[in-house]
PDB file of all heavy atoms in Angstrom:
ATOM      1  N   ILE A   1       0.578  -7.119   9.031  1.00  0.00           N
ATOM      2  CA  ILE A   1       0.649  -7.500   7.615  1.00  0.00           C
ATOM      3  C   ILE A   1       1.773  -8.514   7.433  1.00  0.00           C
ATOM      4  O   ILE A   1       2.900  -8.308   7.906  1.00  0.00           O
ATOM      5  CB  ILE A   1       0.890  -6.277   6.716  1.00  0.00           C
ATOM      6  CG1 ILE A   1      -0.208  -5.225   6.959  1.00  0.00           C
ATOM      7  CG2 ILE A   1       0.902  -6.685   5.241  1.00  0.00           C
ATOM      8  CD1 ILE A   1       0.011  -3.912   6.227  1.00  0.00           C
ATOM      9  N   ALA A   2       1.467  -9.595   6.753  1.00  0.00           N
ATOM     10  CA  ALA A   2       2.436 -10.659   6.500  1.00  0.00           C
ATOM     11  C   ALA A   2       2.500 -10.958   5.008  1.00  0.00           C
ATOM     12  O   ALA A   2       1.623 -10.561   4.233  1.00  0.00           O
ATOM     13  CB  ALA A   2       2.054 -11.926   7.272  1.00  0.00           C
ATOM     14  N   SER A   3       3.553 -11.666   4.603  1.00  0.00           N
ATOM     15  CA  SER A   3       3.701 -12.109   3.213  1.00  0.00           C
ATOM     16  C   SER A   3       4.540 -13.377   3.209  1.00  0.00           C
ATOM     17  O   SER A   3       5.233 -13.677   4.192  1.00  0.00           O
ATOM     18  CB  SER A   3       4.386 -11.022   2.366  1.00  0.00           C
ATOM     19  OG  SER A   3       5.721 -10.829   2.796  1.00  0.00           O
ATOM     20  N   PRO A   4       4.487 -14.152   2.143  1.00  0.00           N
ATOM     21  CA  PRO A   4       5.269 -15.397   2.109  1.00  0.00           C
ATOM     22  C   PRO A   4       6.753 -15.207   2.394  1.00  0.00           C
ATOM     23  O   PRO A   4       7.355 -15.997   3.128  1.00  0.00           O
ATOM     24  CB  PRO A   4       5.014 -15.926   0.694  1.00  0.00           C
ATOM     25  CG  PRO A   4       3.629 -15.443   0.386  1.00  0.00           C
ATOM     26  CD  PRO A   4       3.569 -14.054   0.986  1.00  0.00           C
ATOM     27  N   LYS A   5       7.359 -14.170   1.851  1.00  0.00           N
ATOM     28  CA  LYS A   5       8.796 -13.964   2.040  1.00  0.00           C
ATOM     29  C   LYS A   5       9.116 -12.988   3.161  1.00  0.00           C
ATOM     30  O   LYS A   5      10.266 -12.918   3.602  1.00  0.00           O
ATOM     31  CB  LYS A   5       9.420 -13.452   0.735  1.00  0.00           C
ATOM     32  CG  LYS A   5       9.435 -14.459  -0.398  1.00  0.00           C
ATOM     33  CD  LYS A   5      10.121 -13.862  -1.626  1.00  0.00           C
ATOM     34  CE  LYS A   5      10.165 -14.862  -2.780  1.00  0.00           C
ATOM     35  NZ  LYS A   5      10.824 -14.280  -3.981  1.00  0.00           N
ATOM     36  N   GLY A   6       8.142 -12.232   3.630  1.00  0.00           N
ATOM     37  CA  GLY A   6       8.418 -11.192   4.605  1.00  0.00           C
ATOM     38  C   GLY A   6       9.075  -9.990   3.945  1.00  0.00           C
ATOM     39  O   GLY A   6       9.327  -9.971   2.739  1.00  0.00           O
ATOM     40  N   GLY A   7       9.353  -8.967   4.738  1.00  0.00           N
ATOM     41  CA  GLY A   7       9.997  -7.776   4.194  1.00  0.00           C
ATOM     42  C   GLY A   7       9.054  -6.929   3.366  1.00  0.00           C
ATOM     43  O   GLY A   7       7.848  -6.908   3.596  1.00  0.00           O
ATOM     44  N   LYS A   8       9.623  -6.230   2.372  1.00  0.00           N
ATOM     45  CA  LYS A   8       8.844  -5.320   1.536  1.00  0.00           C
ATOM     46  C   LYS A   8       8.326  -6.040   0.296  1.00  0.00           C
ATOM     47  O   LYS A   8       9.105  -6.407  -0.587  1.00  0.00           O
ATOM     48  CB  LYS A   8       9.702  -4.120   1.119  1.00  0.00           C
ATOM     49  CG  LYS A   8       8.928  -3.063   0.342  1.00  0.00           C
ATOM     50  CD  LYS A   8       9.796  -1.856   0.041  1.00  0.00           C
ATOM     51  CE  LYS A   8       9.021  -0.777  -0.710  1.00  0.00           C
ATOM     52  NZ  LYS A   8       9.842   0.427  -0.964  1.00  0.00           N
ATOM     53  N   PRO A   9       7.020  -6.247   0.186  1.00  0.00           N
ATOM     54  CA  PRO A   9       6.461  -6.945  -0.974  1.00  0.00           C
ATOM     55  C   PRO A   9       6.243  -5.995  -2.147  1.00  0.00           C
ATOM     56  O   PRO A   9       6.140  -4.783  -1.956  1.00  0.00           O
ATOM     57  CB  PRO A   9       5.126  -7.475  -0.449  1.00  0.00           C
ATOM     58  CG  PRO A   9       4.710  -6.445   0.559  1.00  0.00           C
ATOM     59  CD  PRO A   9       5.985  -5.917   1.184  1.00  0.00           C
ATOM     60  N   PRO A  10       6.160  -6.529  -3.363  1.00  0.00           N
ATOM     61  CA  PRO A  10       5.862  -5.688  -4.529  1.00  0.00           C
ATOM     62  C   PRO A  10       4.405  -5.240  -4.508  1.00  0.00           C
ATOM     63  O   PRO A  10       3.540  -5.950  -3.998  1.00  0.00           O
ATOM     64  CB  PRO A  10       6.142  -6.624  -5.710  1.00  0.00           C
ATOM     65  CG  PRO A  10       5.856  -7.993  -5.158  1.00  0.00           C
ATOM     66  CD  PRO A  10       6.305  -7.949  -3.727  1.00  0.00           C
ATOM     67  N   VAL A  11       4.145  -4.062  -5.049  1.00  0.00           N
ATOM     68  CA  VAL A  11       2.801  -3.509  -4.998  1.00  0.00           C
ATOM     69  C   VAL A  11       2.369  -3.036  -6.376  1.00  0.00           C
ATOM     70  O   VAL A  11       3.194  -2.578  -7.176  1.00  0.00           O
ATOM     71  CB  VAL A  11       2.734  -2.346  -3.976  1.00  0.00           C
ATOM     72  CG1 VAL A  11       3.707  -1.239  -4.348  1.00  0.00           C
ATOM     73  CG2 VAL A  11       1.319  -1.792  -3.848  1.00  0.00           C
ATOM     74  N   VAL A  12       1.084  -3.137  -6.653  1.00  0.00           N
ATOM     75  CA  VAL A  12       0.493  -2.619  -7.883  1.00  0.00           C
ATOM     76  C   VAL A  12      -0.380  -1.429  -7.515  1.00  0.00           C
ATOM     77  O   VAL A  12      -1.305  -1.552  -6.709  1.00  0.00           O
ATOM     78  CB  VAL A  12      -0.355  -3.690  -8.594  1.00  0.00           C
ATOM     79  CG1 VAL A  12      -1.069  -3.087  -9.806  1.00  0.00           C
ATOM     80  CG2 VAL A  12       0.502  -4.867  -9.019  1.00  0.00           C
ATOM     81  N   ILE A  13      -0.063  -0.275  -8.091  1.00  0.00           N
ATOM     82  CA  ILE A  13      -0.840   0.939  -7.840  1.00  0.00           C
ATOM     83  C   ILE A  13      -1.420   1.419  -9.164  1.00  0.00           C
ATOM     84  O   ILE A  13      -0.683   1.779 -10.076  1.00  0.00           O
ATOM     85  CB  ILE A  13       0.032   2.044  -7.216  1.00  0.00           C
ATOM     86  CG1 ILE A  13       0.599   1.575  -5.868  1.00  0.00           C
ATOM     87  CG2 ILE A  13      -0.774   3.322  -7.038  1.00  0.00           C
ATOM     88  CD1 ILE A  13       1.524   2.579  -5.205  1.00  0.00           C
ATOM     89  N   ASP A  14      -2.742   1.379  -9.270  1.00  0.00           N
ATOM     90  CA  ASP A  14      -3.441   1.847 -10.462  1.00  0.00           C
ATOM     91  C   ASP A  14      -3.956   3.257 -10.182  1.00  0.00           C
ATOM     92  O   ASP A  14      -4.862   3.441  -9.365  1.00  0.00           O
ATOM     93  CB  ASP A  14      -4.603   0.906 -10.793  1.00  0.00           C
ATOM     94  CG  ASP A  14      -5.259   1.225 -12.125  1.00  0.00           C
ATOM     95  OD1 ASP A  14      -5.181   2.391 -12.555  1.00  0.00           O
ATOM     96  OD2 ASP A  14      -5.855   0.314 -12.724  1.00  0.00           O
ATOM     97  N   ASP A  15      -3.375   4.245 -10.843  1.00  0.00           N
ATOM     98  CA  ASP A  15      -3.724   5.646 -10.572  1.00  0.00           C
ATOM     99  C   ASP A  15      -5.212   5.920 -10.728  1.00  0.00           C
ATOM    100  O   ASP A  15      -5.782   6.735  -9.990  1.00  0.00           O
ATOM    101  CB  ASP A  15      -2.928   6.580 -11.490  1.00  0.00           C
ATOM    102  CG  ASP A  15      -1.441   6.610 -11.140  1.00  0.00           C
ATOM    103  OD1 ASP A  15      -1.104   6.217 -10.016  1.00  0.00           O
ATOM    104  OD2 ASP A  15      -0.639   7.005 -12.007  1.00  0.00           O
ATOM    105  N   ASP A  16      -5.861   5.250 -11.687  1.00  0.00           N
ATOM    106  CA  ASP A  16      -7.278   5.518 -11.940  1.00  0.00           C
ATOM    107  C   ASP A  16      -8.173   5.025 -10.808  1.00  0.00           C
ATOM    108  O   ASP A  16      -9.311   5.479 -10.671  1.00  0.00           O
ATOM    109  CB  ASP A  16      -7.719   4.855 -13.253  1.00  0.00           C
ATOM    110  CG  ASP A  16      -7.122   5.549 -14.471  1.00  0.00           C
ATOM    111  OD1 ASP A  16      -6.763   6.735 -14.352  1.00  0.00           O
ATOM    112  OD2 ASP A  16      -7.014   4.894 -15.529  1.00  0.00           O
ATOM    113  N   ASP A  17      -7.678   4.076 -10.012  1.00  0.00           N
ATOM    114  CA  ASP A  17      -8.484   3.501  -8.932  1.00  0.00           C
ATOM    115  C   ASP A  17      -8.221   4.144  -7.582  1.00  0.00           C
ATOM    116  O   ASP A  17      -8.915   3.860  -6.608  1.00  0.00           O
ATOM    117  CB  ASP A  17      -8.217   1.997  -8.817  1.00  0.00           C
ATOM    118  CG  ASP A  17      -8.704   1.230 -10.036  1.00  0.00           C
ATOM    119  OD1 ASP A  17      -9.622   1.718 -10.715  1.00  0.00           O
ATOM    120  OD2 ASP A  17      -8.168   0.144 -10.303  1.00  0.00           O
ATOM    121  N   MET A  18      -7.234   5.012  -7.502  1.00  0.00           N
ATOM    122  CA  MET A  18      -6.815   5.566  -6.212  1.00  0.00           C
ATOM    123  C   MET A  18      -7.834   6.564  -5.668  1.00  0.00           C
ATOM    124  O   MET A  18      -8.279   7.474  -6.368  1.00  0.00           O
ATOM    125  CB  MET A  18      -5.457   6.227  -6.348  1.00  0.00           C
ATOM    126  CG  MET A  18      -4.324   5.259  -6.664  1.00  0.00           C
ATOM    127  SD  MET A  18      -3.901   4.212  -5.265  1.00  0.00           S
ATOM    128  CE  MET A  18      -3.031   5.394  -4.238  1.00  0.00           C
ATOM    129  N   GLY A  19      -8.182   6.384  -4.389  1.00  0.00           N
ATOM    130  CA  GLY A  19      -9.087   7.296  -3.708  1.00  0.00           C
ATOM    131  C   GLY A  19      -8.455   7.800  -2.423  1.00  0.00           C
ATOM    132  O   GLY A  19      -7.281   7.532  -2.134  1.00  0.00           O
ATOM    133  N   VAL A  20      -9.234   8.506  -1.614  1.00  0.00           N
ATOM    134  CA  VAL A  20      -8.676   9.140  -0.422  1.00  0.00           C
ATOM    135  C   VAL A  20      -8.089   8.132   0.562  1.00  0.00           C
ATOM    136  O   VAL A  20      -7.043   8.392   1.173  1.00  0.00           O
ATOM    137  CB  VAL A  20      -9.734  10.024   0.280  1.00  0.00           C
ATOM    138  CG1 VAL A  20     -10.039  11.252  -0.554  1.00  0.00           C
ATOM    139  CG2 VAL A  20     -11.006   9.240   0.585  1.00  0.00           C
ATOM    140  N   PHE A  21      -8.740   6.986   0.718  1.00  0.00           N
ATOM    141  CA  PHE A  21      -8.231   6.001   1.675  1.00  0.00           C
ATOM    142  C   PHE A  21      -6.915   5.392   1.195  1.00  0.00           C
ATOM    143  O   PHE A  21      -6.045   5.063   2.004  1.00  0.00           O
ATOM    144  CB  PHE A  21      -9.271   4.906   1.914  1.00  0.00           C
ATOM    145  CG  PHE A  21     -10.453   5.387   2.712  1.00  0.00           C
ATOM    146  CD1 PHE A  21     -11.587   5.863   2.079  1.00  0.00           C
ATOM    147  CD2 PHE A  21     -10.430   5.384   4.099  1.00  0.00           C
ATOM    148  CE1 PHE A  21     -12.680   6.326   2.805  1.00  0.00           C
ATOM    149  CE2 PHE A  21     -11.510   5.840   4.843  1.00  0.00           C
ATOM    150  CZ  PHE A  21     -12.629   6.317   4.197  1.00  0.00           C
ATOM    151  N   ASP A  22      -6.778   5.252  -0.103  1.00  0.00           N
ATOM    152  CA  ASP A  22      -5.558   4.679  -0.661  1.00  0.00           C
ATOM    153  C   ASP A  22      -4.379   5.637  -0.506  1.00  0.00           C
ATOM    154  O   ASP A  22      -3.269   5.223  -0.143  1.00  0.00           O
ATOM    155  CB  ASP A  22      -5.785   4.325  -2.135  1.00  0.00           C
ATOM    156  CG  ASP A  22      -7.088   3.576  -2.331  1.00  0.00           C
ATOM    157  OD1 ASP A  22      -7.286   2.566  -1.638  1.00  0.00           O
ATOM    158  OD2 ASP A  22      -7.923   4.023  -3.138  1.00  0.00           O
ATOM    159  N   PHE A  23      -4.621   6.925  -0.755  1.00  0.00           N
ATOM    160  CA  PHE A  23      -3.550   7.902  -0.557  1.00  0.00           C
ATOM    161  C   PHE A  23      -3.236   8.061   0.928  1.00  0.00           C
ATOM    162  O   PHE A  23      -2.071   8.248   1.306  1.00  0.00           O
ATOM    163  CB  PHE A  23      -3.936   9.248  -1.180  1.00  0.00           C
ATOM    164  CG  PHE A  23      -3.828   9.266  -2.674  1.00  0.00           C
ATOM    165  CD1 PHE A  23      -4.949   9.416  -3.481  1.00  0.00           C
ATOM    166  CD2 PHE A  23      -2.588   9.124  -3.294  1.00  0.00           C
ATOM    167  CE1 PHE A  23      -4.843   9.435  -4.866  1.00  0.00           C
ATOM    168  CE2 PHE A  23      -2.470   9.140  -4.686  1.00  0.00           C
ATOM    169  CZ  PHE A  23      -3.597   9.291  -5.471  1.00  0.00           C
ATOM    170  N   ALA A  24      -4.268   7.983   1.771  1.00  0.00           N
ATOM    171  CA  ALA A  24      -4.031   8.061   3.213  1.00  0.00           C
ATOM    172  C   ALA A  24      -3.120   6.926   3.664  1.00  0.00           C
ATOM    173  O   ALA A  24      -2.238   7.118   4.513  1.00  0.00           O
ATOM    174  CB  ALA A  24      -5.351   8.016   3.973  1.00  0.00           C
ATOM    175  N   PHE A  25      -3.328   5.761   3.080  1.00  0.00           N
ATOM    176  CA  PHE A  25      -2.498   4.590   3.407  1.00  0.00           C
ATOM    177  C   PHE A  25      -1.038   4.857   3.035  1.00  0.00           C
ATOM    178  O   PHE A  25      -0.124   4.531   3.790  1.00  0.00           O
ATOM    179  CB  PHE A  25      -3.032   3.364   2.660  1.00  0.00           C
ATOM    180  CG  PHE A  25      -2.369   2.069   3.041  1.00  0.00           C
ATOM    181  CD1 PHE A  25      -2.793   1.348   4.137  1.00  0.00           C
ATOM    182  CD2 PHE A  25      -1.319   1.563   2.280  1.00  0.00           C
ATOM    183  CE1 PHE A  25      -2.183   0.143   4.488  1.00  0.00           C
ATOM    184  CE2 PHE A  25      -0.704   0.364   2.606  1.00  0.00           C
ATOM    185  CZ  PHE A  25      -1.133  -0.345   3.721  1.00  0.00           C
ATOM    186  N   LEU A  26      -0.820   5.467   1.879  1.00  0.00           N
ATOM    187  CA  LEU A  26       0.542   5.780   1.446  1.00  0.00           C
ATOM    188  C   LEU A  26       1.186   6.838   2.337  1.00  0.00           C
ATOM    189  O   LEU A  26       2.423   6.895   2.440  1.00  0.00           O
ATOM    190  CB  LEU A  26       0.533   6.263  -0.004  1.00  0.00           C
ATOM    191  CG  LEU A  26       0.160   5.236  -1.078  1.00  0.00           C
ATOM    192  CD1 LEU A  26       0.167   5.890  -2.456  1.00  0.00           C
ATOM    193  CD2 LEU A  26       1.110   4.042  -1.055  1.00  0.00           C
ATOM    194  N   ASN A  27       0.359   7.663   2.975  1.00  0.00           N
ATOM    195  CA  ASN A  27       0.871   8.736   3.823  1.00  0.00           C
ATOM    196  C   ASN A  27       0.809   8.398   5.310  1.00  0.00           C
ATOM    197  O   ASN A  27       1.078   9.262   6.153  1.00  0.00           O
ATOM    198  CB  ASN A  27       0.090  10.025   3.561  1.00  0.00           C
ATOM    199  CG  ASN A  27       0.296  10.558   2.154  1.00  0.00           C
ATOM    200  OD1 ASN A  27       1.394  10.465   1.609  1.00  0.00           O
ATOM    201  ND2 ASN A  27      -0.750  11.094   1.551  1.00  0.00           N
ATOM    202  N   ASP A  28       0.464   7.179   5.628  1.00  0.00           N
ATOM    203  CA  ASP A  28       0.299   6.725   7.014  1.00  0.00           C
ATOM    204  C   ASP A  28       1.598   6.046   7.465  1.00  0.00           C
ATOM    205  O   ASP A  28       1.906   4.935   7.023  1.00  0.00           O
ATOM    206  CB  ASP A  28      -0.875   5.752   7.080  1.00  0.00           C
ATOM    207  CG  ASP A  28      -1.190   5.277   8.488  1.00  0.00           C
ATOM    208  OD1 ASP A  28      -0.302   5.353   9.359  1.00  0.00           O
ATOM    209  OD2 ASP A  28      -2.319   4.801   8.710  1.00  0.00           O
ATOM    210  N   PRO A  29       2.391   6.682   8.334  1.00  0.00           N
ATOM    211  CA  PRO A  29       3.681   6.099   8.728  1.00  0.00           C
ATOM    212  C   PRO A  29       3.561   4.702   9.335  1.00  0.00           C
ATOM    213  O   PRO A  29       4.390   3.830   9.047  1.00  0.00           O
ATOM    214  CB  PRO A  29       4.213   7.106   9.763  1.00  0.00           C
ATOM    215  CG  PRO A  29       3.519   8.389   9.451  1.00  0.00           C
ATOM    216  CD  PRO A  29       2.156   7.992   8.964  1.00  0.00           C
ATOM    217  N   ASP A  30       2.528   4.484  10.156  1.00  0.00           N
ATOM    218  CA  ASP A  30       2.356   3.183  10.787  1.00  0.00           C
ATOM    219  C   ASP A  30       2.037   2.112   9.749  1.00  0.00           C
ATOM    220  O   ASP A  30       2.630   1.022   9.748  1.00  0.00           O
ATOM    221  CB  ASP A  30       1.240   3.257  11.832  1.00  0.00           C
ATOM    222  CG  ASP A  30       1.094   1.956  12.611  1.00  0.00           C
ATOM    223  OD1 ASP A  30       2.122   1.464  13.134  1.00  0.00           O
ATOM    224  OD2 ASP A  30      -0.028   1.433  12.704  1.00  0.00           O
ATOM    225  N   ALA A  31       1.103   2.425   8.839  1.00  0.00           N
ATOM    226  CA  ALA A  31       0.739   1.471   7.787  1.00  0.00           C
ATOM    227  C   ALA A  31       1.923   1.182   6.885  1.00  0.00           C
ATOM    228  O   ALA A  31       2.168   0.021   6.492  1.00  0.00           O
ATOM    229  CB  ALA A  31      -0.435   2.002   6.974  1.00  0.00           C
TER     230      ALA A  31
END
């Protein structure tokens, strides 16, 4: 994963759109 500035980018999390894969991503240490 890359970004223009590198490091930790800002993220938008919409609770109404969150599903199992999205929560898995948040709980995935490698990701």
